[in-house]
Amino acid sequence: MKKQNIRATIYEAINQFVTAYKQNNTEILSSEYGLDKETLAEIDDFLSFVKDKSKINLFPISNLNNDTFLSIEYVDGDYLIECILIYEDIKFYLVGEYNKTQEAQYKFEYRNFDI
């Protein structure tokens, strides 16, 4: 896959995860990303500065090709990802992986948030 195409594909996969988190959609977060209620509570505790999840934003797509906003490292057929999220004036990181599944398709996997 071309670099620009994979960046856009990963951006969309991250956006789907962030949207589910912002909407507190525990069904999707559990079924699609394997996050149980305990893990979600830990995430909420870590992101205690976020008072309104709906105001979390993924960096603007206009910055898609800027490695400062979206860092992608290709390792053994999978991708390690670090991207910037914005809450009000606070920037923080979402760390994840974009891994090939047994069905030979790629899927975003949440790892952690970092400040």
PDB file of N, CA and C in Angstrom:
ATOM      1  N   MET A   1       0.850  -1.179   0.000  1.00  0.00           N
ATOM      2  CA  MET A   1       0.000   0.000   0.000  1.00  0.00           C
ATOM      3  C   MET A   1       0.893   1.239   0.000  1.00  0.00           C
ATOM      4  N   LYS A   2       0.535   2.239  -0.800  1.00  0.00           N
ATOM      5  CA  LYS A   2       1.321   3.463  -0.867  1.00  0.00           C
ATOM      6  C   LYS A   2       1.263   4.205   0.459  1.00  0.00           C
ATOM      7  N   LYS A   3       2.346   4.958   0.723  1.00  0.00           N
ATOM      8  CA  LYS A   3       2.453   5.666   2.001  1.00  0.00           C
ATOM      9  C   LYS A   3       1.253   6.571   2.253  1.00  0.00           C
ATOM     10  N   GLN A   4       0.853   7.347   1.259  1.00  0.00           N
ATOM     11  CA  GLN A   4      -0.259   8.275   1.457  1.00  0.00           C
ATOM     12  C   GLN A   4      -1.567   7.523   1.704  1.00  0.00           C
ATOM     13  N   ASN A   5      -1.772   6.422   0.983  1.00  0.00           N
ATOM     14  CA  ASN A   5      -2.986   5.631   1.180  1.00  0.00           C
ATOM     15  C   ASN A   5      -3.039   5.016   2.570  1.00  0.00           C
ATOM     16  N   ILE A   6      -1.910   4.471   3.046  1.00  0.00           N
ATOM     17  CA  ILE A   6      -1.913   3.839   4.364  1.00  0.00           C
ATOM     18  C   ILE A   6      -2.136   4.887   5.446  1.00  0.00           C
ATOM     19  N   ARG A   7      -1.607   6.084   5.278  1.00  0.00           N
ATOM     20  CA  ARG A   7      -1.803   7.144   6.268  1.00  0.00           C
ATOM     21  C   ARG A   7      -3.287   7.507   6.357  1.00  0.00           C
ATOM     22  N   ALA A   8      -3.941   7.638   5.219  1.00  0.00           N
ATOM     23  CA  ALA A   8      -5.371   7.976   5.211  1.00  0.00           C
ATOM     24  C   ALA A   8      -6.203   6.833   5.800  1.00  0.00           C
ATOM     25  N   THR A   9      -5.842   5.606   5.487  1.00  0.00           N
ATOM     26  CA  THR A   9      -6.558   4.441   6.010  1.00  0.00           C
ATOM     27  C   THR A   9      -6.404   4.346   7.527  1.00  0.00           C
ATOM     28  N   ILE A  10      -5.188   4.549   8.008  1.00  0.00           N
ATOM     29  CA  ILE A  10      -4.940   4.513   9.454  1.00  0.00           C
ATOM     30  C   ILE A  10      -5.654   5.672  10.140  1.00  0.00           C
ATOM     31  N   TYR A  11      -5.631   6.849   9.525  1.00  0.00           N
ATOM     32  CA  TYR A  11      -6.331   8.009  10.091  1.00  0.00           C
ATOM     33  C   TYR A  11      -7.811   7.676  10.295  1.00  0.00           C
ATOM     34  N   GLU A  12      -8.427   7.074   9.302  1.00  0.00           N
ATOM     35  CA  GLU A  12      -9.848   6.727   9.397  1.00  0.00           C
ATOM     36  C   GLU A  12     -10.084   5.681  10.491  1.00  0.00           C
ATOM     37  N   ALA A  13      -9.194   4.699  10.598  1.00  0.00           N
ATOM     38  CA  ALA A  13      -9.332   3.675  11.643  1.00  0.00           C
ATOM     39  C   ALA A  13      -9.208   4.300  13.033  1.00  0.00           C
ATOM     40  N   ILE A  14      -8.273   5.224  13.196  1.00  0.00           N
ATOM     41  CA  ILE A  14      -8.119   5.928  14.474  1.00  0.00           C
ATOM     42  C   ILE A  14      -9.359   6.766  14.747  1.00  0.00           C
ATOM     43  N   ASN A  15      -9.856   7.431  13.728  1.00  0.00           N
ATOM     44  CA  ASN A  15     -11.042   8.272  13.881  1.00  0.00           C
ATOM     45  C   ASN A  15     -12.245   7.448  14.362  1.00  0.00           C
ATOM     46  N   GLN A  16     -12.397   6.244  13.849  1.00  0.00           N
ATOM     47  CA  GLN A  16     -13.495   5.377  14.286  1.00  0.00           C
ATOM     48  C   GLN A  16     -13.355   5.023  15.767  1.00  0.00           C
ATOM     49  N   PHE A  17     -12.126   4.738  16.203  1.00  0.00           N
ATOM     50  CA  PHE A  17     -11.888   4.443  17.617  1.00  0.00           C
ATOM     51  C   PHE A  17     -12.185   5.665  18.480  1.00  0.00           C
ATOM     52  N   VAL A  18     -11.653   6.813  18.087  1.00  0.00           N
ATOM     53  CA  VAL A  18     -11.846   8.044  18.862  1.00  0.00           C
ATOM     54  C   VAL A  18     -13.330   8.390  18.943  1.00  0.00           C
ATOM     55  N   THR A  19     -14.051   8.227  17.853  1.00  0.00           N
ATOM     56  CA  THR A  19     -15.493   8.503  17.852  1.00  0.00           C
ATOM     57  C   THR A  19     -16.219   7.596  18.844  1.00  0.00           C
ATOM     58  N   ALA A  20     -15.894   6.321  18.848  1.00  0.00           N
ATOM     59  CA  ALA A  20     -16.521   5.394  19.803  1.00  0.00           C
ATOM     60  C   ALA A  20     -16.190   5.801  21.236  1.00  0.00           C
ATOM     61  N   TYR A  21     -14.950   6.224  21.477  1.00  0.00           N
ATOM     62  CA  TYR A  21     -14.566   6.650  22.824  1.00  0.00           C
ATOM     63  C   TYR A  21     -15.302   7.932  23.220  1.00  0.00           C
ATOM     64  N   LYS A  22     -15.345   8.899  22.309  1.00  0.00           N
ATOM     65  CA  LYS A  22     -16.033  10.167  22.587  1.00  0.00           C
ATOM     66  C   LYS A  22     -17.508   9.947  22.909  1.00  0.00           C
ATOM     67  N   GLN A  23     -18.125   8.999  22.227  1.00  0.00           N
ATOM     68  CA  GLN A  23     -19.548   8.715  22.418  1.00  0.00           C
ATOM     69  C   GLN A  23     -19.796   7.736  23.566  1.00  0.00           C
ATOM     70  N   ASN A  24     -18.703   7.319  24.211  1.00  0.00           N
ATOM     71  CA  ASN A  24     -18.795   6.359  25.310  1.00  0.00           C
ATOM     72  C   ASN A  24     -19.561   5.105  24.880  1.00  0.00           C
ATOM     73  N   ASN A  25     -19.289   4.667  23.650  1.00  0.00           N
ATOM     74  CA  ASN A  25     -19.966   3.507  23.077  1.00  0.00           C
ATOM     75  C   ASN A  25     -19.256   2.235  23.553  1.00  0.00           C
ATOM     76  N   THR A  26     -19.635   1.785  24.741  1.00  0.00           N
ATOM     77  CA  THR A  26     -18.961   0.639  25.348  1.00  0.00           C
ATOM     78  C   THR A  26     -19.150  -0.647  24.543  1.00  0.00           C
ATOM     79  N   GLU A  27     -20.244  -0.742  23.814  1.00  0.00           N
ATOM     80  CA  GLU A  27     -20.473  -1.936  22.992  1.00  0.00           C
ATOM     81  C   GLU A  27     -19.414  -2.044  21.896  1.00  0.00           C
ATOM     82  N   ILE A  28     -19.185  -0.966  21.161  1.00  0.00           N
ATOM     83  CA  ILE A  28     -18.172  -0.973  20.097  1.00  0.00           C
ATOM     84  C   ILE A  28     -16.774  -1.082  20.692  1.00  0.00           C
ATOM     85  N   LEU A  29     -16.512  -0.335  21.758  1.00  0.00           N
ATOM     86  CA  LEU A  29     -15.187  -0.376  22.380  1.00  0.00           C
ATOM     87  C   LEU A  29     -14.854  -1.784  22.874  1.00  0.00           C
ATOM     88  N   SER A  30     -15.851  -2.514  23.296  1.00  0.00           N
ATOM     89  CA  SER A  30     -15.644  -3.889  23.746  1.00  0.00           C
ATOM     90  C   SER A  30     -15.518  -4.851  22.569  1.00  0.00           C
ATOM     91  N   SER A  31     -16.485  -4.819  21.658  1.00  0.00           N
ATOM     92  CA  SER A  31     -16.510  -5.805  20.570  1.00  0.00           C
ATOM     93  C   SER A  31     -15.427  -5.569  19.519  1.00  0.00           C
ATOM     94  N   GLU A  32     -15.169  -4.321  19.183  1.00  0.00           N
ATOM     95  CA  GLU A  32     -14.198  -4.015  18.126  1.00  0.00           C
ATOM     96  C   GLU A  32     -12.767  -3.868  18.636  1.00  0.00           C
ATOM     97  N   TYR A  33     -12.616  -3.406  19.885  1.00  0.00           N
ATOM     98  CA  TYR A  33     -11.283  -3.067  20.387  1.00  0.00           C
ATOM     99  C   TYR A  33     -10.886  -3.852  21.634  1.00  0.00           C
ATOM    100  N   GLY A  34     -11.780  -4.688  22.132  1.00  0.00           N
ATOM    101  CA  GLY A  34     -11.456  -5.537  23.267  1.00  0.00           C
ATOM    102  C   GLY A  34     -11.272  -4.816  24.585  1.00  0.00           C
ATOM    103  N   LEU A  35     -11.895  -3.647  24.722  1.00  0.00           N
ATOM    104  CA  LEU A  35     -11.747  -2.862  25.948  1.00  0.00           C
ATOM    105  C   LEU A  35     -12.911  -3.138  26.890  1.00  0.00           C
ATOM    106  N   ASP A  36     -12.599  -3.680  28.061  1.00  0.00           N
ATOM    107  CA  ASP A  36     -13.647  -3.948  29.040  1.00  0.00           C
ATOM    108  C   ASP A  36     -13.888  -2.708  29.903  1.00  0.00           C
ATOM    109  N   LYS A  37     -14.892  -2.775  30.752  1.00  0.00           N
ATOM    110  CA  LYS A  37     -15.270  -1.614  31.576  1.00  0.00           C
ATOM    111  C   LYS A  37     -14.142  -1.178  32.498  1.00  0.00           C
ATOM    112  N   GLU A  38     -13.385  -2.131  33.012  1.00  0.00           N
ATOM    113  CA  GLU A  38     -12.266  -1.799  33.892  1.00  0.00           C
ATOM    114  C   GLU A  38     -11.194  -1.010  33.134  1.00  0.00           C
ATOM    115  N   THR A  39     -10.864  -1.451  31.935  1.00  0.00           N
ATOM    116  CA  THR A  39      -9.875  -0.745  31.118  1.00  0.00           C
ATOM    117  C   THR A  39     -10.370   0.648  30.763  1.00  0.00           C
ATOM    118  N   LEU A  40     -11.642   0.764  30.408  1.00  0.00           N
ATOM    119  CA  LEU A  40     -12.205   2.077  30.084  1.00  0.00           C
ATOM    120  C   LEU A  40     -12.174   3.002  31.294  1.00  0.00           C
ATOM    121  N   ALA A  41     -12.413   2.471  32.480  1.00  0.00           N
ATOM    122  CA  ALA A  41     -12.334   3.281  33.702  1.00  0.00           C
ATOM    123  C   ALA A  41     -10.902   3.754  33.935  1.00  0.00           C
ATOM    124  N   GLU A  42      -9.924   2.897  33.647  1.00  0.00           N
ATOM    125  CA  GLU A  42      -8.514   3.284  33.776  1.00  0.00           C
ATOM    126  C   GLU A  42      -8.162   4.387  32.781  1.00  0.00           C
ATOM    127  N   ILE A  43      -8.666   4.276  31.558  1.00  0.00           N
ATOM    128  CA  ILE A  43      -8.430   5.317  30.551  1.00  0.00           C
ATOM    129  C   ILE A  43      -9.039   6.630  31.021  1.00  0.00           C
ATOM    130  N   ASP A  44     -10.278   6.583  31.474  1.00  0.00           N
ATOM    131  CA  ASP A  44     -10.944   7.800  31.956  1.00  0.00           C
ATOM    132  C   ASP A  44     -10.174   8.424  33.114  1.00  0.00           C
ATOM    133  N   ASP A  45      -9.649   7.593  34.000  1.00  0.00           N
ATOM    134  CA  ASP A  45      -8.869   8.097  35.126  1.00  0.00           C
ATOM    135  C   ASP A  45      -7.589   8.765  34.632  1.00  0.00           C
ATOM    136  N   PHE A  46      -6.911   8.132  33.671  1.00  0.00           N
ATOM    137  CA  PHE A  46      -5.681   8.701  33.115  1.00  0.00           C
ATOM    138  C   PHE A  46      -5.958  10.028  32.426  1.00  0.00           C
ATOM    139  N   LEU A  47      -7.097  10.108  31.744  1.00  0.00           N
ATOM    140  CA  LEU A  47      -7.474  11.331  31.028  1.00  0.00           C
ATOM    141  C   LEU A  47      -8.398  12.193  31.888  1.00  0.00           C
ATOM    142  N   SER A  48      -8.114  12.273  33.162  1.00  0.00           N
ATOM    143  CA  SER A  48      -8.986  12.996  34.101  1.00  0.00           C
ATOM    144  C   SER A  48      -9.125  14.480  33.768  1.00  0.00           C
ATOM    145  N   PHE A  49      -8.190  15.030  33.003  1.00  0.00           N
ATOM    146  CA  PHE A  49      -8.285  16.436  32.592  1.00  0.00           C
ATOM    147  C   PHE A  49      -9.382  16.651  31.552  1.00  0.00           C
ATOM    148  N   VAL A  50      -9.866  15.572  30.943  1.00  0.00           N
ATOM    149  CA  VAL A  50     -10.935  15.662  29.949  1.00  0.00           C
ATOM    150  C   VAL A  50     -12.271  15.670  30.690  1.00  0.00           C
ATOM    151  N   LYS A  51     -12.925  16.809  30.676  1.00  0.00           N
ATOM    152  CA  LYS A  51     -14.215  16.946  31.359  1.00  0.00           C
ATOM    153  C   LYS A  51     -15.387  16.620  30.437  1.00  0.00           C
ATOM    154  N   ASP A  52     -15.166  16.723  29.129  1.00  0.00           N
ATOM    155  CA  ASP A  52     -16.216  16.465  28.147  1.00  0.00           C
ATOM    156  C   ASP A  52     -15.596  15.712  26.968  1.00  0.00           C
ATOM    157  N   LYS A  53     -15.779  14.393  26.927  1.00  0.00           N
ATOM    158  CA  LYS A  53     -15.179  13.560  25.882  1.00  0.00           C
ATOM    159  C   LYS A  53     -15.558  14.010  24.476  1.00  0.00           C
ATOM    160  N   SER A  54     -16.732  14.579  24.334  1.00  0.00           N
ATOM    161  CA  SER A  54     -17.185  14.982  22.996  1.00  0.00           C
ATOM    162  C   SER A  54     -16.304  16.076  22.398  1.00  0.00           C
ATOM    163  N   LYS A  55     -15.479  16.704  23.219  1.00  0.00           N
ATOM    164  CA  LYS A  55     -14.595  17.773  22.737  1.00  0.00           C
ATOM    165  C   LYS A  55     -13.195  17.275  22.388  1.00  0.00           C
ATOM    166  N   ILE A  56     -12.985  15.967  22.461  1.00  0.00           N
ATOM    167  CA  ILE A  56     -11.708  15.396  22.020  1.00  0.00           C
ATOM    168  C   ILE A  56     -11.723  15.359  20.500  1.00  0.00           C
ATOM    169  N   ASN A  57     -10.644  15.815  19.893  1.00  0.00           N
ATOM    170  CA  ASN A  57     -10.554  15.810  18.438  1.00  0.00           C
ATOM    171  C   ASN A  57      -9.257  15.177  17.974  1.00  0.00           C
ATOM    172  N   LEU A  58      -9.367  14.420  16.917  1.00  0.00           N
ATOM    173  CA  LEU A  58      -8.199  13.930  16.214  1.00  0.00           C
ATOM    174  C   LEU A  58      -7.605  15.121  15.482  1.00  0.00           C
ATOM    175  N   PHE A  59      -6.299  15.123  15.304  1.00  0.00           N
ATOM    176  CA  PHE A  59      -5.669  16.239  14.598  1.00  0.00           C
ATOM    177  C   PHE A  59      -6.331  16.436  13.232  1.00  0.00           C
ATOM    178  N   PRO A  60      -6.296  17.667  12.708  1.00  0.00           N
ATOM    179  CA  PRO A  60      -6.944  17.921  11.412  1.00  0.00           C
ATOM    180  C   PRO A  60      -6.328  17.080  10.292  1.00  0.00           C
ATOM    181  N   ILE A  61      -7.165  16.594   9.408  1.00  0.00           N
ATOM    182  CA  ILE A  61      -6.692  15.765   8.295  1.00  0.00           C
ATOM    183  C   ILE A  61      -5.717  16.531   7.400  1.00  0.00           C
ATOM    184  N   SER A  62      -5.753  17.851   7.440  1.00  0.00           N
ATOM    185  CA  SER A  62      -4.803  18.651   6.657  1.00  0.00           C
ATOM    186  C   SER A  62      -3.363  18.403   7.106  1.00  0.00           C
ATOM    187  N   ASN A  63      -3.178  17.860   8.303  1.00  0.00           N
ATOM    188  CA  ASN A  63      -1.841  17.535   8.814  1.00  0.00           C
ATOM    189  C   ASN A  63      -1.498  16.055   8.640  1.00  0.00           C
ATOM    190  N   LEU A  64      -2.234  15.369   7.800  1.00  0.00           N
ATOM    191  CA  LEU A  64      -2.087  13.925   7.631  1.00  0.00           C
ATOM    192  C   LEU A  64      -0.659  13.501   7.297  1.00  0.00           C
ATOM    193  N   ASN A  65       0.038  14.273   6.495  1.00  0.00           N
ATOM    194  CA  ASN A  65       1.376  13.880   6.061  1.00  0.00           C
ATOM    195  C   ASN A  65       2.485  14.438   6.938  1.00  0.00           C
ATOM    196  N   ASN A  66       2.119  15.026   8.067  1.00  0.00           N
ATOM    197  CA  ASN A  66       3.090  15.578   9.001  1.00  0.00           C
ATOM    198  C   ASN A  66       3.370  14.536  10.083  1.00  0.00           C
ATOM    199  N   ASP A  67       4.612  14.044  10.134  1.00  0.00           N
ATOM    200  CA  ASP A  67       4.965  12.999  11.098  1.00  0.00           C
ATOM    201  C   ASP A  67       4.834  13.448  12.547  1.00  0.00           C
ATOM    202  N   THR A  68       4.802  14.750  12.789  1.00  0.00           N
ATOM    203  CA  THR A  68       4.594  15.246  14.146  1.00  0.00           C
ATOM    204  C   THR A  68       3.202  14.869  14.638  1.00  0.00           C
ATOM    205  N   PHE A  69       2.234  14.860  13.747  1.00  0.00           N
ATOM    206  CA  PHE A  69       0.848  14.571  14.112  1.00  0.00           C
ATOM    207  C   PHE A  69       0.509  13.085  14.016  1.00  0.00           C
ATOM    208  N   LEU A  70       1.131  12.393  13.066  1.00  0.00           N
ATOM    209  CA  LEU A  70       0.875  10.964  12.882  1.00  0.00           C
ATOM    210  C   LEU A  70       2.185  10.271  12.542  1.00  0.00           C
ATOM    211  N   SER A  71       2.708   9.554  13.515  1.00  0.00           N
ATOM    212  CA  SER A  71       3.945   8.803  13.327  1.00  0.00           C
ATOM    213  C   SER A  71       3.578   7.343  13.085  1.00  0.00           C
ATOM    214  N   ILE A  72       4.086   6.802  11.985  1.00  0.00           N
ATOM    215  CA  ILE A  72       3.801   5.410  11.628  1.00  0.00           C
ATOM    216  C   ILE A  72       5.125   4.703  11.370  1.00  0.00           C
ATOM    217  N   GLU A  73       5.312   3.584  12.048  1.00  0.00           N
ATOM    218  CA  GLU A  73       6.521   2.789  11.852  1.00  0.00           C
ATOM    219  C   GLU A  73       6.100   1.388  11.416  1.00  0.00           C
ATOM    220  N   TYR A  74       6.620   0.954  10.282  1.00  0.00           N
ATOM    221  CA  TYR A  74       6.300  -0.368   9.741  1.00  0.00           C
ATOM    222  C   TYR A  74       7.258  -1.387  10.350  1.00  0.00           C
ATOM    223  N   VAL A  75       6.720  -2.389  11.051  1.00  0.00           N
ATOM    224  CA  VAL A  75       7.546  -3.400  11.709  1.00  0.00           C
ATOM    225  C   VAL A  75       6.934  -4.776  11.471  1.00  0.00           C
ATOM    226  N   ASP A  76       7.678  -5.622  10.802  1.00  0.00           N
ATOM    227  CA  ASP A  76       7.257  -7.019  10.596  1.00  0.00           C
ATOM    228  C   ASP A  76       5.836  -7.164  10.054  1.00  0.00           C
ATOM    229  N   GLY A  77       5.476  -6.333   9.097  1.00  0.00           N
ATOM    230  CA  GLY A  77       4.170  -6.454   8.454  1.00  0.00           C
ATOM    231  C   GLY A  77       3.045  -5.707   9.133  1.00  0.00           C
ATOM    232  N   ASP A  78       3.320  -5.105  10.281  1.00  0.00           N
ATOM    233  CA  ASP A  78       2.319  -4.334  11.013  1.00  0.00           C
ATOM    234  C   ASP A  78       2.813  -2.899  11.178  1.00  0.00           C
ATOM    235  N   TYR A  79       1.954  -2.046  11.690  1.00  0.00           N
ATOM    236  CA  TYR A  79       2.288  -0.632  11.846  1.00  0.00           C
ATOM    237  C   TYR A  79       2.144  -0.207  13.306  1.00  0.00           C
ATOM    238  N   LEU A  80       3.170   0.448  13.827  1.00  0.00           N
ATOM    239  CA  LEU A  80       3.108   1.070  15.144  1.00  0.00           C
ATOM    240  C   LEU A  80       2.713   2.520  14.926  1.00  0.00           C
ATOM    241  N   ILE A  81       1.764   3.003  15.705  1.00  0.00           N
ATOM    242  CA  ILE A  81       1.163   4.316  15.462  1.00  0.00           C
ATOM    243  C   ILE A  81       1.224   5.171  16.717  1.00  0.00           C
ATOM    244  N   GLU A  82       1.528   6.441  16.503  1.00  0.00           N
ATOM    245  CA  GLU A  82       1.390   7.441  17.559  1.00  0.00           C
ATOM    246  C   GLU A  82       0.800   8.674  16.894  1.00  0.00           C
ATOM    247  N   CYS A  83      -0.305   9.169  17.433  1.00  0.00           N
ATOM    248  CA  CYS A  83      -0.922  10.344  16.830  1.00  0.00           C
ATOM    249  C   CYS A  83      -1.373  11.321  17.906  1.00  0.00           C
ATOM    250  N   ILE A  84      -1.554  12.548  17.490  1.00  0.00           N
ATOM    251  CA  ILE A  84      -1.957  13.606  18.407  1.00  0.00           C
ATOM    252  C   ILE A  84      -3.474  13.741  18.435  1.00  0.00           C
ATOM    253  N   LEU A  85      -3.994  13.824  19.655  1.00  0.00           N
ATOM    254  CA  LEU A  85      -5.385  14.185  19.887  1.00  0.00           C
ATOM    255  C   LEU A  85      -5.382  15.531  20.596  1.00  0.00           C
ATOM    256  N   ILE A  86      -6.458  16.266  20.440  1.00  0.00           N
ATOM    257  CA  ILE A  86      -6.535  17.605  21.013  1.00  0.00           C
ATOM    258  C   ILE A  86      -7.816  17.721  21.835  1.00  0.00           C
ATOM    259  N   TYR A  87      -7.651  18.204  23.061  1.00  0.00           N
ATOM    260  CA  TYR A  87      -8.789  18.511  23.926  1.00  0.00           C
ATOM    261  C   TYR A  87      -8.604  19.948  24.390  1.00  0.00           C
ATOM    262  N   GLU A  88      -9.497  20.815  23.929  1.00  0.00           N
ATOM    263  CA  GLU A  88      -9.368  22.246  24.171  1.00  0.00           C
ATOM    264  C   GLU A  88      -7.977  22.668  23.703  1.00  0.00           C
ATOM    265  N   ASP A  89      -7.099  23.149  24.567  1.00  0.00           N
ATOM    266  CA  ASP A  89      -5.749  23.541  24.137  1.00  0.00           C
ATOM    267  C   ASP A  89      -4.697  22.500  24.496  1.00  0.00           C
ATOM    268  N   ILE A  90      -5.127  21.351  24.949  1.00  0.00           N
ATOM    269  CA  ILE A  90      -4.202  20.312  25.411  1.00  0.00           C
ATOM    270  C   ILE A  90      -4.014  19.271  24.312  1.00  0.00           C
ATOM    271  N   LYS A  91      -2.750  19.009  23.979  1.00  0.00           N
ATOM    272  CA  LYS A  91      -2.433  17.953  23.020  1.00  0.00           C
ATOM    273  C   LYS A  91      -1.941  16.739  23.799  1.00  0.00           C
ATOM    274  N   PHE A  92      -2.416  15.576  23.407  1.00  0.00           N
ATOM    275  CA  PHE A  92      -1.947  14.335  24.011  1.00  0.00           C
ATOM    276  C   PHE A  92      -1.904  13.266  22.932  1.00  0.00           C
ATOM    277  N   TYR A  93      -1.333  12.132  23.260  1.00  0.00           N
ATOM    278  CA  TYR A  93      -1.065  11.106  22.259  1.00  0.00           C
ATOM    279  C   TYR A  93      -1.943   9.872  22.436  1.00  0.00           C
ATOM    280  N   LEU A  94      -2.302   9.315  21.312  1.00  0.00           N
ATOM    281  CA  LEU A  94      -2.938   8.008  21.251  1.00  0.00           C
ATOM    282  C   LEU A  94      -1.908   7.075  20.625  1.00  0.00           C
ATOM    283  N   VAL A  95      -1.616   5.985  21.306  1.00  0.00           N
ATOM    284  CA  VAL A  95      -0.646   5.013  20.820  1.00  0.00           C
ATOM    285  C   VAL A  95      -1.401   3.733  20.491  1.00  0.00           C
ATOM    286  N   GLY A  96      -1.113   3.185  19.335  1.00  0.00           N
ATOM    287  CA  GLY A  96      -1.788   1.964  18.934  1.00  0.00           C
ATOM    288  C   GLY A  96      -1.005   1.211  17.883  1.00  0.00           C
ATOM    289  N   GLU A  97      -1.628   0.209  17.368  1.00  0.00           N
ATOM    290  CA  GLU A  97      -1.043  -0.595  16.301  1.00  0.00           C
ATOM    291  C   GLU A  97      -2.106  -0.824  15.232  1.00  0.00           C
ATOM    292  N   TYR A  98      -1.641  -0.986  14.023  1.00  0.00           N
ATOM    293  CA  TYR A  98      -2.509  -1.325  12.908  1.00  0.00           C
ATOM    294  C   TYR A  98      -1.988  -2.664  12.409  1.00  0.00           C
ATOM    295  N   ASN A  99      -2.616  -3.734  12.877  1.00  0.00           N
ATOM    296  CA  ASN A  99      -2.087  -5.079  12.664  1.00  0.00           C
ATOM    297  C   ASN A  99      -2.931  -5.891  11.698  1.00  0.00           C
ATOM    298  N   LYS A 100      -2.236  -6.789  11.018  1.00  0.00           N
ATOM    299  CA  LYS A 100      -2.917  -7.699  10.101  1.00  0.00           C
ATOM    300  C   LYS A 100      -3.607  -8.788  10.911  1.00  0.00           C
ATOM    301  N   THR A 101      -4.873  -9.019  10.613  1.00  0.00           N
ATOM    302  CA  THR A 101      -5.649 -10.050  11.301  1.00  0.00           C
ATOM    303  C   THR A 101      -5.450 -11.396  10.607  1.00  0.00           C
ATOM    304  N   GLN A 102      -6.018 -12.436  11.179  1.00  0.00           N
ATOM    305  CA  GLN A 102      -5.939 -13.764  10.568  1.00  0.00           C
ATOM    306  C   GLN A 102      -6.642 -13.797   9.217  1.00  0.00           C
ATOM    307  N   GLU A 103      -7.571 -12.872   9.009  1.00  0.00           N
ATOM    308  CA  GLU A 103      -8.291 -12.793   7.734  1.00  0.00           C
ATOM    309  C   GLU A 103      -7.525 -11.956   6.715  1.00  0.00           C
ATOM    310  N   ALA A 104      -6.272 -11.586   7.029  1.00  0.00           N
ATOM    311  CA  ALA A 104      -5.388 -10.800   6.158  1.00  0.00           C
ATOM    312  C   ALA A 104      -5.889  -9.376   5.938  1.00  0.00           C
ATOM    313  N   GLN A 105      -6.698  -8.888   6.867  1.00  0.00           N
ATOM    314  CA  GLN A 105      -7.115  -7.492   6.834  1.00  0.00           C
ATOM    315  C   GLN A 105      -6.454  -6.793   8.008  1.00  0.00           C
ATOM    316  N   TYR A 106      -6.340  -5.471   7.909  1.00  0.00           N
ATOM    317  CA  TYR A 106      -5.736  -4.717   9.004  1.00  0.00           C
ATOM    318  C   TYR A 106      -6.804  -4.174   9.945  1.00  0.00           C
ATOM    319  N   LYS A 107      -6.409  -4.039  11.223  1.00  0.00           N
ATOM    320  CA  LYS A 107      -7.330  -3.550  12.242  1.00  0.00           C
ATOM    321  C   LYS A 107      -6.558  -2.694  13.243  1.00  0.00           C
ATOM    322  N   PHE A 108      -7.162  -1.566  13.650  1.00  0.00           N
ATOM    323  CA  PHE A 108      -6.552  -0.717  14.665  1.00  0.00           C
ATOM    324  C   PHE A 108      -6.681  -1.376  16.033  1.00  0.00           C
ATOM    325  N   GLU A 109      -5.593  -1.358  16.791  1.00  0.00           N
ATOM    326  CA  GLU A 109      -5.594  -1.887  18.151  1.00  0.00           C
ATOM    327  C   GLU A 109      -5.071  -0.815  19.095  1.00  0.00           C
ATOM    328  N   TYR A 110      -5.898  -0.429  20.050  1.00  0.00           N
ATOM    329  CA  TYR A 110      -5.525   0.561  21.058  1.00  0.00           C
ATOM    330  C   TYR A 110      -4.443  -0.008  21.974  1.00  0.00           C
ATOM    331  N   ARG A 111      -3.455   0.818  22.303  1.00  0.00           N
ATOM    332  CA  ARG A 111      -2.438   0.437  23.287  1.00  0.00           C
ATOM    333  C   ARG A 111      -2.511   1.328  24.518  1.00  0.00           C
ATOM    334  N   ASN A 112      -2.443   2.644  24.333  1.00  0.00           N
ATOM    335  CA  ASN A 112      -2.535   3.544  25.479  1.00  0.00           C
ATOM    336  C   ASN A 112      -2.619   5.000  25.022  1.00  0.00           C
ATOM    337  N   PHE A 113      -2.928   5.852  25.992  1.00  0.00           N
ATOM    338  CA  PHE A 113      -2.832   7.293  25.799  1.00  0.00           C
ATOM    339  C   PHE A 113      -1.582   7.751  26.528  1.00  0.00           C
ATOM    340  N   ASP A 114      -1.007   8.844  26.080  1.00  0.00           N
ATOM    341  CA  ASP A 114       0.171   9.404  26.727  1.00  0.00           C
ATOM    342  C   ASP A 114       0.077  10.921  26.679  1.00  0.00           C
ATOM    343  N   ILE A 115       0.622  11.547  27.695  1.00  0.00           N
ATOM    344  CA  ILE A 115       0.576  13.014  27.757  1.00  0.00           C
ATOM    345  C   ILE A 115       1.947  13.568  27.449  1.00  0.00           C
TER     346      ILE A 115
END
